[in-house]
Amino acid sequence: MLTLFWLVFWAGLTVLVVTAGVSLRIRLRDRVGKSGPSVDDAAIEEILATGALTTDEDSPLDIEQIDGEERKFWSQTWDEPDEW
């Protein structure tokens, strides 16, 4: 009876571990698969013709614009809190 318990216990634990591993593998594959643009023959032709590859993805951040907005934010004056 005790042997049956341990057999069922380890079988159930093995099923949980395998299920968790498969789930993790699927999530990682989905995340890594969407990370970058796919470069096909047309993209290579564009790189050879123009020297750059343009995609429909978001453009890179403009660091100078971000720096200007941050300076503007911190240069603002703030009202002092009312003391009660």
N, C-alpha and C. Protein backbone atom coordinates (compact mmCIF):
# COMPACT_ATOMS: atom_id res chain seq x y z
N MET A 1 0.83 -1.19 0.00
CA MET A 1 0.00 0.00 0.00
C MET A 1 0.87 1.25 0.00
N LEU A 2 1.92 1.24 0.84
CA LEU A 2 2.83 2.38 0.91
C LEU A 2 3.62 2.53 -0.40
N THR A 3 3.95 1.41 -1.02
CA THR A 3 4.67 1.44 -2.29
C THR A 3 3.79 2.05 -3.38
N LEU A 4 2.52 1.75 -3.36
CA LEU A 4 1.59 2.33 -4.34
C LEU A 4 1.50 3.84 -4.15
N PHE A 5 1.47 4.29 -2.90
CA PHE A 5 1.43 5.72 -2.62
C PHE A 5 2.65 6.42 -3.23
N TRP A 6 3.84 5.89 -2.98
CA TRP A 6 5.05 6.52 -3.49
C TRP A 6 5.10 6.48 -5.02
N LEU A 7 4.62 5.42 -5.60
CA LEU A 7 4.58 5.33 -7.05
C LEU A 7 3.67 6.41 -7.64
N VAL A 8 2.50 6.57 -7.08
CA VAL A 8 1.56 7.60 -7.54
C VAL A 8 2.12 8.99 -7.27
N PHE A 9 2.73 9.18 -6.11
CA PHE A 9 3.31 10.48 -5.75
C PHE A 9 4.38 10.89 -6.75
N TRP A 10 5.35 10.01 -7.03
CA TRP A 10 6.44 10.35 -7.95
C TRP A 10 5.94 10.48 -9.38
N ALA A 11 4.96 9.71 -9.77
CA ALA A 11 4.39 9.83 -11.11
C ALA A 11 3.69 11.19 -11.28
N GLY A 12 2.94 11.59 -10.26
CA GLY A 12 2.28 12.89 -10.31
C GLY A 12 3.28 14.04 -10.32
N LEU A 13 4.33 13.93 -9.52
CA LEU A 13 5.37 14.95 -9.48
C LEU A 13 6.09 15.03 -10.83
N THR A 14 6.34 13.91 -11.44
CA THR A 14 6.98 13.88 -12.75
C THR A 14 6.10 14.55 -13.80
N VAL A 15 4.81 14.28 -13.76
CA VAL A 15 3.88 14.90 -14.71
C VAL A 15 3.88 16.41 -14.52
N LEU A 16 3.87 16.90 -13.27
CA LEU A 16 3.89 18.34 -13.02
C LEU A 16 5.17 18.98 -13.54
N VAL A 17 6.30 18.35 -13.32
CA VAL A 17 7.58 18.90 -13.77
C VAL A 17 7.64 18.95 -15.30
N VAL A 18 7.20 17.90 -15.95
CA VAL A 18 7.22 17.88 -17.42
C VAL A 18 6.27 18.94 -17.97
N THR A 19 5.10 19.07 -17.38
CA THR A 19 4.14 20.08 -17.82
C THR A 19 4.69 21.48 -17.66
N ALA A 20 5.33 21.75 -16.52
CA ALA A 20 5.93 23.06 -16.31
C ALA A 20 7.05 23.33 -17.31
N GLY A 21 7.85 22.33 -17.61
CA GLY A 21 8.93 22.49 -18.58
C GLY A 21 8.42 22.78 -19.97
N VAL A 22 7.41 22.08 -20.39
CA VAL A 22 6.82 22.31 -21.71
C VAL A 22 6.20 23.70 -21.78
N SER A 23 5.51 24.11 -20.73
CA SER A 23 4.90 25.44 -20.69
C SER A 23 5.96 26.53 -20.78
N LEU A 24 7.03 26.38 -20.03
CA LEU A 24 8.12 27.35 -20.07
C LEU A 24 8.76 27.41 -21.45
N ARG A 25 8.97 26.26 -22.05
CA ARG A 25 9.57 26.19 -23.38
C ARG A 25 8.70 26.91 -24.41
N ILE A 26 7.39 26.74 -24.33
CA ILE A 26 6.48 27.39 -25.28
C ILE A 26 6.51 28.90 -25.09
N ARG A 27 6.49 29.36 -23.83
CA ARG A 27 6.53 30.81 -23.58
C ARG A 27 7.83 31.43 -24.06
N LEU A 28 8.94 30.76 -23.83
CA LEU A 28 10.23 31.29 -24.28
C LEU A 28 10.32 31.32 -25.80
N ARG A 29 9.80 30.29 -26.46
CA ARG A 29 9.83 30.24 -27.92
C ARG A 29 9.01 31.38 -28.51
N ASP A 30 7.83 31.66 -27.91
CA ASP A 30 6.99 32.74 -28.40
C ASP A 30 7.66 34.10 -28.21
N ARG A 31 8.32 34.28 -27.07
CA ARG A 31 8.96 35.56 -26.77
C ARG A 31 10.18 35.78 -27.66
N VAL A 32 10.99 34.78 -27.85
CA VAL A 32 12.20 34.91 -28.66
C VAL A 32 11.85 35.02 -30.14
N GLY A 33 10.83 34.36 -30.57
CA GLY A 33 10.44 34.38 -31.97
C GLY A 33 9.98 35.75 -32.44
N LYS A 34 9.47 36.59 -31.57
CA LYS A 34 8.95 37.90 -31.94
C LYS A 34 9.95 39.02 -31.66
N SER A 35 11.18 38.70 -31.31
CA SER A 35 12.11 39.72 -30.84
C SER A 35 12.61 40.64 -31.94
N GLY A 36 12.87 40.15 -33.13
CA GLY A 36 13.45 41.01 -34.15
C GLY A 36 12.78 40.86 -35.49
N PRO A 37 13.11 41.77 -36.40
CA PRO A 37 12.52 41.66 -37.73
C PRO A 37 13.13 40.49 -38.49
N SER A 38 12.36 39.90 -39.34
CA SER A 38 12.89 38.80 -40.15
C SER A 38 13.54 39.40 -41.39
N VAL A 39 14.70 38.90 -41.70
CA VAL A 39 15.45 39.39 -42.86
C VAL A 39 15.32 38.35 -43.96
N ASP A 40 14.59 38.72 -45.00
CA ASP A 40 14.42 37.81 -46.12
C ASP A 40 15.20 38.33 -47.32
N ASP A 41 14.99 37.73 -48.47
CA ASP A 41 15.73 38.12 -49.67
C ASP A 41 15.45 39.57 -50.07
N ALA A 42 14.20 40.00 -49.92
CA ALA A 42 13.85 41.38 -50.28
C ALA A 42 14.57 42.37 -49.36
N ALA A 43 14.69 42.03 -48.08
CA ALA A 43 15.38 42.90 -47.14
C ALA A 43 16.87 42.97 -47.46
N ILE A 44 17.46 41.86 -47.85
CA ILE A 44 18.87 41.85 -48.23
C ILE A 44 19.10 42.69 -49.47
N GLU A 45 18.19 42.60 -50.44
CA GLU A 45 18.29 43.43 -51.64
C GLU A 45 18.21 44.91 -51.28
N GLU A 46 17.33 45.26 -50.33
CA GLU A 46 17.21 46.66 -49.91
C GLU A 46 18.49 47.12 -49.23
N ILE A 47 19.08 46.27 -48.41
CA ILE A 47 20.34 46.63 -47.74
C ILE A 47 21.44 46.84 -48.78
N LEU A 48 21.51 45.97 -49.77
CA LEU A 48 22.53 46.12 -50.81
C LEU A 48 22.31 47.37 -51.66
N ALA A 49 21.05 47.71 -51.90
CA ALA A 49 20.75 48.86 -52.76
C ALA A 49 20.91 50.19 -52.02
N THR A 50 20.42 50.26 -50.78
CA THR A 50 20.41 51.55 -50.08
C THR A 50 21.42 51.63 -48.94
N GLY A 51 21.90 50.51 -48.47
CA GLY A 51 22.84 50.52 -47.36
C GLY A 51 22.17 50.51 -46.00
N ALA A 52 20.84 50.44 -45.97
CA ALA A 52 20.11 50.43 -44.71
C ALA A 52 18.84 49.60 -44.88
N LEU A 53 18.31 49.14 -43.76
CA LEU A 53 17.07 48.38 -43.76
C LEU A 53 16.03 49.14 -42.98
N THR A 54 14.92 49.45 -43.61
CA THR A 54 13.84 50.13 -42.92
C THR A 54 12.74 49.12 -42.63
N THR A 55 12.17 49.21 -41.44
CA THR A 55 11.09 48.32 -41.04
C THR A 55 9.91 49.14 -40.55
N ASP A 56 8.79 48.46 -40.33
CA ASP A 56 7.59 49.12 -39.84
C ASP A 56 7.56 49.19 -38.32
N GLU A 57 8.62 48.76 -37.68
CA GLU A 57 8.65 48.77 -36.22
C GLU A 57 8.80 50.19 -35.70
N ASP A 58 8.63 50.36 -34.39
CA ASP A 58 8.78 51.67 -33.78
C ASP A 58 10.17 52.21 -34.04
N SER A 59 10.24 53.52 -34.25
CA SER A 59 11.54 54.13 -34.49
C SER A 59 12.33 54.20 -33.18
N PRO A 60 13.64 54.27 -33.28
CA PRO A 60 14.44 54.36 -32.05
C PRO A 60 14.17 55.67 -31.32
N LEU A 61 14.47 55.68 -30.05
CA LEU A 61 14.22 56.86 -29.23
C LEU A 61 15.16 58.00 -29.60
N ASP A 62 14.64 59.22 -29.56
CA ASP A 62 15.46 60.40 -29.80
C ASP A 62 15.98 60.88 -28.45
N ILE A 63 17.24 60.58 -28.15
CA ILE A 63 17.81 60.88 -26.84
C ILE A 63 17.84 62.38 -26.59
N GLU A 64 18.12 63.20 -27.60
CA GLU A 64 18.18 64.65 -27.42
C GLU A 64 16.80 65.21 -27.04
N GLN A 65 15.75 64.71 -27.68
CA GLN A 65 14.41 65.17 -27.35
C GLN A 65 14.03 64.75 -25.93
N ILE A 66 14.38 63.54 -25.54
CA ILE A 66 14.08 63.07 -24.19
C ILE A 66 14.82 63.91 -23.16
N ASP A 67 16.09 64.21 -23.44
CA ASP A 67 16.89 65.03 -22.52
C ASP A 67 16.29 66.43 -22.38
N GLY A 68 15.85 67.01 -23.49
CA GLY A 68 15.23 68.34 -23.43
C GLY A 68 13.95 68.33 -22.61
N GLU A 69 13.12 67.31 -22.79
CA GLU A 69 11.88 67.22 -22.01
C GLU A 69 12.17 67.04 -20.51
N GLU A 70 13.21 66.26 -20.20
CA GLU A 70 13.56 66.05 -18.80
C GLU A 70 14.06 67.35 -18.17
N ARG A 71 14.89 68.09 -18.88
CA ARG A 71 15.38 69.37 -18.36
C ARG A 71 14.22 70.34 -18.15
N LYS A 72 13.29 70.37 -19.10
CA LYS A 72 12.12 71.25 -18.97
C LYS A 72 11.29 70.87 -17.76
N PHE A 73 11.13 69.58 -17.53
CA PHE A 73 10.34 69.10 -16.39
C PHE A 73 10.98 69.54 -15.07
N TRP A 74 12.28 69.32 -14.93
CA TRP A 74 12.93 69.63 -13.66
C TRP A 74 13.14 71.12 -13.46
N SER A 75 13.08 71.93 -14.51
CA SER A 75 13.24 73.37 -14.36
C SER A 75 11.95 74.06 -13.95
N GLN A 76 10.83 73.38 -14.00
CA GLN A 76 9.56 73.98 -13.61
C GLN A 76 9.55 74.28 -12.11
N THR A 77 8.84 75.34 -11.76
CA THR A 77 8.69 75.65 -10.35
C THR A 77 7.44 74.96 -9.83
N TRP A 78 7.50 74.59 -8.59
CA TRP A 78 6.41 73.84 -7.99
C TRP A 78 5.83 74.65 -6.83
N ASP A 79 4.53 74.55 -6.69
CA ASP A 79 3.89 75.23 -5.56
C ASP A 79 4.23 74.49 -4.28
N GLU A 80 4.54 75.26 -3.27
CA GLU A 80 4.82 74.64 -1.98
C GLU A 80 3.52 74.08 -1.41
N PRO A 81 3.59 72.98 -0.66
CA PRO A 81 2.36 72.42 -0.08
C PRO A 81 1.81 73.33 1.01
N ASP A 82 0.49 73.33 1.11
CA ASP A 82 -0.17 74.12 2.15
C ASP A 82 0.01 73.45 3.49
N GLU A 83 0.38 74.22 4.48
CA GLU A 83 0.52 73.66 5.83
C GLU A 83 -0.76 73.93 6.60
N TRP A 84 -1.27 72.96 7.23
CA TRP A 84 -2.52 73.08 7.98
C TRP A 84 -2.26 73.18 9.42
